[in-house]
Amino acid sequence: MYYCPLKTNRRVDDSGGSAPYVRGDELVWSDSDVQQGKLLNIPGFPKVKKVKLLRVTVATNTTEFVATNDLAQADTDAVQDACGIRSSD
């Protein structure tokens, strides 16, 4: 299992190949996506290799994006702990 922070300008595809790659910070997130994460593809990875992207809110105006191959992961607090991301609380 790996957890990898992604820069906000990293291009990703959450459309299954039906739309061009977009920047991570341009993705549209539903309420369930924020809680569960998004399955997507990263350029350079095989098309069948999906990763889960999770949004971890660190502060009021700061959000970190973390990709993982643990597709069952849906707990942003666990991701924050695994990556050592500190919140400003």
N, C-alpha and C. Protein backbone atom coordinates (compact mmCIF):
# COMPACT_ATOMS: atom_id res chain seq x y z
N MET A 1 0.84 -1.18 0.00
CA MET A 1 0.00 0.00 0.00
C MET A 1 0.88 1.25 0.00
N TYR A 2 0.49 2.21 -0.77
CA TYR A 2 1.22 3.47 -0.75
C TYR A 2 0.25 4.63 -0.65
N TYR A 3 0.73 5.71 -0.07
CA TYR A 3 0.01 6.98 0.02
C TYR A 3 0.97 8.02 -0.50
N CYS A 4 0.54 8.76 -1.51
CA CYS A 4 1.43 9.71 -2.17
C CYS A 4 0.73 11.06 -2.31
N PRO A 5 1.27 12.11 -1.72
CA PRO A 5 0.68 13.44 -1.93
C PRO A 5 0.82 13.84 -3.41
N LEU A 6 -0.20 14.47 -3.95
CA LEU A 6 -0.16 14.96 -5.33
C LEU A 6 -0.25 16.47 -5.32
N LYS A 7 0.50 17.09 -6.19
CA LYS A 7 0.40 18.54 -6.34
C LYS A 7 -0.95 18.87 -6.97
N THR A 8 -1.44 20.05 -6.67
CA THR A 8 -2.76 20.44 -7.17
C THR A 8 -2.80 20.57 -8.68
N ASN A 9 -1.64 20.79 -9.31
CA ASN A 9 -1.62 20.96 -10.76
C ASN A 9 -1.38 19.63 -11.50
N ARG A 10 -1.27 18.53 -10.76
CA ARG A 10 -1.07 17.22 -11.38
C ARG A 10 -2.31 16.85 -12.20
N ARG A 11 -2.11 16.42 -13.43
CA ARG A 11 -3.22 16.07 -14.29
C ARG A 11 -3.73 14.67 -13.96
N VAL A 12 -5.06 14.54 -13.89
CA VAL A 12 -5.70 13.27 -13.56
C VAL A 12 -6.96 13.11 -14.42
N ASP A 13 -7.49 11.89 -14.45
CA ASP A 13 -8.70 11.61 -15.22
C ASP A 13 -9.66 10.81 -14.36
N ASP A 14 -10.81 11.38 -14.06
CA ASP A 14 -11.84 10.67 -13.30
C ASP A 14 -13.01 10.28 -14.18
N SER A 15 -12.86 10.44 -15.50
CA SER A 15 -13.97 10.17 -16.43
C SER A 15 -13.90 8.80 -17.07
N GLY A 16 -12.87 8.03 -16.76
CA GLY A 16 -12.72 6.72 -17.39
C GLY A 16 -12.22 6.81 -18.82
N GLY A 17 -11.59 7.90 -19.17
CA GLY A 17 -11.03 8.06 -20.50
C GLY A 17 -11.94 8.77 -21.49
N SER A 18 -13.13 9.20 -21.05
CA SER A 18 -14.05 9.87 -21.97
C SER A 18 -13.82 11.37 -22.06
N ALA A 19 -12.97 11.91 -21.19
CA ALA A 19 -12.65 13.34 -21.21
C ALA A 19 -11.14 13.49 -21.05
N PRO A 20 -10.60 14.62 -21.47
CA PRO A 20 -9.15 14.81 -21.32
C PRO A 20 -8.75 14.94 -19.84
N TYR A 21 -7.46 14.75 -19.58
CA TYR A 21 -6.94 14.92 -18.23
C TYR A 21 -7.13 16.37 -17.79
N VAL A 22 -7.42 16.56 -16.50
CA VAL A 22 -7.58 17.90 -15.93
C VAL A 22 -6.70 18.00 -14.68
N ARG A 23 -6.44 19.22 -14.27
CA ARG A 23 -5.68 19.44 -13.04
C ARG A 23 -6.49 18.91 -11.85
N GLY A 24 -5.79 18.40 -10.85
CA GLY A 24 -6.45 17.88 -9.66
C GLY A 24 -7.33 18.90 -8.96
N ASP A 25 -6.90 20.16 -8.95
CA ASP A 25 -7.70 21.19 -8.28
C ASP A 25 -8.89 21.66 -9.11
N GLU A 26 -9.04 21.13 -10.34
CA GLU A 26 -10.19 21.46 -11.19
C GLU A 26 -11.26 20.38 -11.16
N LEU A 27 -11.02 19.29 -10.43
CA LEU A 27 -12.01 18.22 -10.34
C LEU A 27 -13.26 18.70 -9.61
N VAL A 28 -14.40 18.18 -10.02
CA VAL A 28 -15.66 18.48 -9.35
C VAL A 28 -15.88 17.38 -8.31
N TRP A 29 -16.09 17.79 -7.07
CA TRP A 29 -16.24 16.85 -5.96
C TRP A 29 -17.66 16.91 -5.40
N SER A 30 -18.37 15.79 -5.43
CA SER A 30 -19.68 15.71 -4.78
C SER A 30 -19.44 15.46 -3.29
N ASP A 31 -20.50 15.53 -2.49
CA ASP A 31 -20.36 15.28 -1.06
C ASP A 31 -19.85 13.87 -0.80
N SER A 32 -20.33 12.90 -1.55
CA SER A 32 -19.86 11.52 -1.36
C SER A 32 -18.41 11.36 -1.80
N ASP A 33 -17.99 12.09 -2.85
CA ASP A 33 -16.59 12.05 -3.29
C ASP A 33 -15.66 12.58 -2.19
N VAL A 34 -16.08 13.63 -1.53
CA VAL A 34 -15.26 14.22 -0.47
C VAL A 34 -15.09 13.20 0.66
N GLN A 35 -16.14 12.46 0.97
CA GLN A 35 -16.08 11.48 2.05
C GLN A 35 -15.38 10.19 1.63
N GLN A 36 -15.65 9.71 0.41
CA GLN A 36 -15.17 8.41 -0.03
C GLN A 36 -13.92 8.46 -0.90
N GLY A 37 -13.64 9.61 -1.52
CA GLY A 37 -12.53 9.72 -2.46
C GLY A 37 -13.01 9.47 -3.88
N LYS A 38 -12.14 9.70 -4.85
CA LYS A 38 -12.46 9.52 -6.27
C LYS A 38 -11.50 8.49 -6.86
N LEU A 39 -12.04 7.58 -7.68
CA LEU A 39 -11.20 6.66 -8.44
C LEU A 39 -10.79 7.36 -9.72
N LEU A 40 -9.51 7.31 -10.02
CA LEU A 40 -9.04 8.01 -11.21
C LEU A 40 -7.77 7.39 -11.75
N ASN A 41 -7.37 7.90 -12.90
CA ASN A 41 -6.15 7.47 -13.56
C ASN A 41 -5.19 8.64 -13.62
N ILE A 42 -3.91 8.33 -13.50
CA ILE A 42 -2.85 9.35 -13.58
C ILE A 42 -2.07 9.08 -14.85
N PRO A 43 -1.73 10.11 -15.65
CA PRO A 43 -0.95 9.89 -16.86
C PRO A 43 0.34 9.14 -16.55
N GLY A 44 0.67 8.19 -17.41
CA GLY A 44 1.87 7.39 -17.21
C GLY A 44 1.57 6.06 -16.53
N PHE A 45 0.43 5.96 -15.86
CA PHE A 45 -0.01 4.70 -15.27
C PHE A 45 -0.80 3.95 -16.35
N PRO A 46 -0.83 2.62 -16.31
CA PRO A 46 -1.69 1.87 -17.24
C PRO A 46 -3.15 2.30 -17.05
N LYS A 47 -3.92 2.33 -18.12
CA LYS A 47 -5.32 2.77 -18.06
C LYS A 47 -6.15 1.94 -17.09
N VAL A 48 -5.81 0.68 -16.92
CA VAL A 48 -6.58 -0.18 -16.02
C VAL A 48 -6.15 -0.01 -14.55
N LYS A 49 -5.05 0.69 -14.30
CA LYS A 49 -4.55 0.89 -12.94
C LYS A 49 -5.17 2.16 -12.36
N LYS A 50 -6.16 1.97 -11.52
CA LYS A 50 -6.82 3.10 -10.88
C LYS A 50 -6.22 3.34 -9.50
N VAL A 51 -6.22 4.59 -9.09
CA VAL A 51 -5.84 4.96 -7.74
C VAL A 51 -7.00 5.75 -7.13
N LYS A 52 -7.02 5.84 -5.83
CA LYS A 52 -8.05 6.62 -5.16
C LYS A 52 -7.43 7.94 -4.73
N LEU A 53 -8.09 9.02 -5.08
CA LEU A 53 -7.64 10.35 -4.68
C LEU A 53 -8.55 10.83 -3.56
N LEU A 54 -7.94 11.24 -2.47
CA LEU A 54 -8.67 11.75 -1.32
C LEU A 54 -8.28 13.20 -1.07
N ARG A 55 -9.25 13.99 -0.70
CA ARG A 55 -9.02 15.39 -0.34
C ARG A 55 -8.95 15.49 1.17
N VAL A 56 -7.83 15.99 1.68
CA VAL A 56 -7.65 16.15 3.11
C VAL A 56 -7.58 17.65 3.39
N THR A 57 -8.57 18.15 4.11
CA THR A 57 -8.60 19.57 4.46
C THR A 57 -7.71 19.78 5.68
N VAL A 58 -6.67 20.58 5.48
CA VAL A 58 -5.67 20.82 6.53
C VAL A 58 -6.03 22.08 7.31
N ALA A 59 -6.45 23.10 6.62
CA ALA A 59 -6.83 24.36 7.25
C ALA A 59 -7.98 24.94 6.43
N THR A 60 -8.49 26.06 6.85
CA THR A 60 -9.64 26.66 6.17
C THR A 60 -9.39 26.84 4.68
N ASN A 61 -8.23 27.30 4.29
CA ASN A 61 -7.94 27.56 2.88
C ASN A 61 -6.92 26.60 2.29
N THR A 62 -6.64 25.48 2.98
CA THR A 62 -5.61 24.57 2.52
C THR A 62 -6.16 23.15 2.40
N THR A 63 -6.00 22.58 1.22
CA THR A 63 -6.42 21.21 0.97
C THR A 63 -5.26 20.45 0.36
N GLU A 64 -5.01 19.25 0.86
CA GLU A 64 -3.99 18.36 0.32
C GLU A 64 -4.69 17.27 -0.47
N PHE A 65 -4.09 16.84 -1.56
CA PHE A 65 -4.59 15.71 -2.34
C PHE A 65 -3.64 14.55 -2.13
N VAL A 66 -4.19 13.38 -1.80
CA VAL A 66 -3.38 12.19 -1.54
C VAL A 66 -3.92 11.04 -2.40
N ALA A 67 -3.03 10.39 -3.15
CA ALA A 67 -3.39 9.24 -3.97
C ALA A 67 -2.93 7.97 -3.25
N THR A 68 -3.75 6.92 -3.34
CA THR A 68 -3.39 5.65 -2.74
C THR A 68 -3.87 4.50 -3.62
N ASN A 69 -3.18 3.37 -3.51
CA ASN A 69 -3.63 2.18 -4.22
C ASN A 69 -4.54 1.34 -3.32
N ASP A 70 -4.81 1.81 -2.11
CA ASP A 70 -5.75 1.16 -1.20
C ASP A 70 -7.15 1.64 -1.57
N LEU A 71 -7.79 0.95 -2.50
CA LEU A 71 -9.08 1.40 -3.02
C LEU A 71 -10.20 1.31 -2.00
N ALA A 72 -9.98 0.58 -0.92
CA ALA A 72 -10.99 0.48 0.14
C ALA A 72 -10.90 1.64 1.12
N GLN A 73 -9.84 2.43 1.05
CA GLN A 73 -9.63 3.55 1.98
C GLN A 73 -10.68 4.62 1.73
N ALA A 74 -11.37 5.02 2.80
CA ALA A 74 -12.37 6.08 2.68
C ALA A 74 -12.36 7.00 3.89
N ASP A 75 -11.31 6.94 4.69
CA ASP A 75 -11.22 7.71 5.91
C ASP A 75 -10.11 8.75 5.79
N THR A 76 -10.50 10.01 5.59
CA THR A 76 -9.49 11.05 5.40
C THR A 76 -8.63 11.25 6.64
N ASP A 77 -9.17 10.98 7.84
CA ASP A 77 -8.36 11.10 9.05
C ASP A 77 -7.23 10.07 9.05
N ALA A 78 -7.53 8.84 8.61
CA ALA A 78 -6.51 7.79 8.53
C ALA A 78 -5.45 8.16 7.50
N VAL A 79 -5.87 8.74 6.39
CA VAL A 79 -4.92 9.18 5.35
C VAL A 79 -4.03 10.29 5.90
N GLN A 80 -4.63 11.21 6.62
CA GLN A 80 -3.87 12.31 7.21
C GLN A 80 -2.81 11.76 8.17
N ASP A 81 -3.17 10.76 8.98
CA ASP A 81 -2.22 10.16 9.90
C ASP A 81 -1.13 9.40 9.14
N ALA A 82 -1.52 8.64 8.11
CA ALA A 82 -0.55 7.84 7.35
C ALA A 82 0.48 8.72 6.64
N CYS A 83 0.06 9.89 6.19
CA CYS A 83 0.95 10.78 5.46
C CYS A 83 1.67 11.78 6.35
N GLY A 84 1.28 11.84 7.60
CA GLY A 84 1.91 12.80 8.50
C GLY A 84 1.52 14.23 8.21
N ILE A 85 0.32 14.42 7.67
CA ILE A 85 -0.17 15.78 7.38
C ILE A 85 -0.72 16.37 8.66
N ARG A 86 -0.22 17.52 9.03
CA ARG A 86 -0.67 18.18 10.26
C ARG A 86 -1.77 19.16 9.94
N SER A 87 -2.78 19.17 10.80
CA SER A 87 -3.83 20.17 10.65
C SER A 87 -3.46 21.38 11.49
N SER A 88 -4.08 22.49 11.21
CA SER A 88 -3.76 23.72 11.92
C SER A 88 -4.66 23.91 13.13
N ASP A 89 -5.48 22.91 13.45
CA ASP A 89 -6.40 23.02 14.59
C ASP A 89 -5.67 23.02 15.90
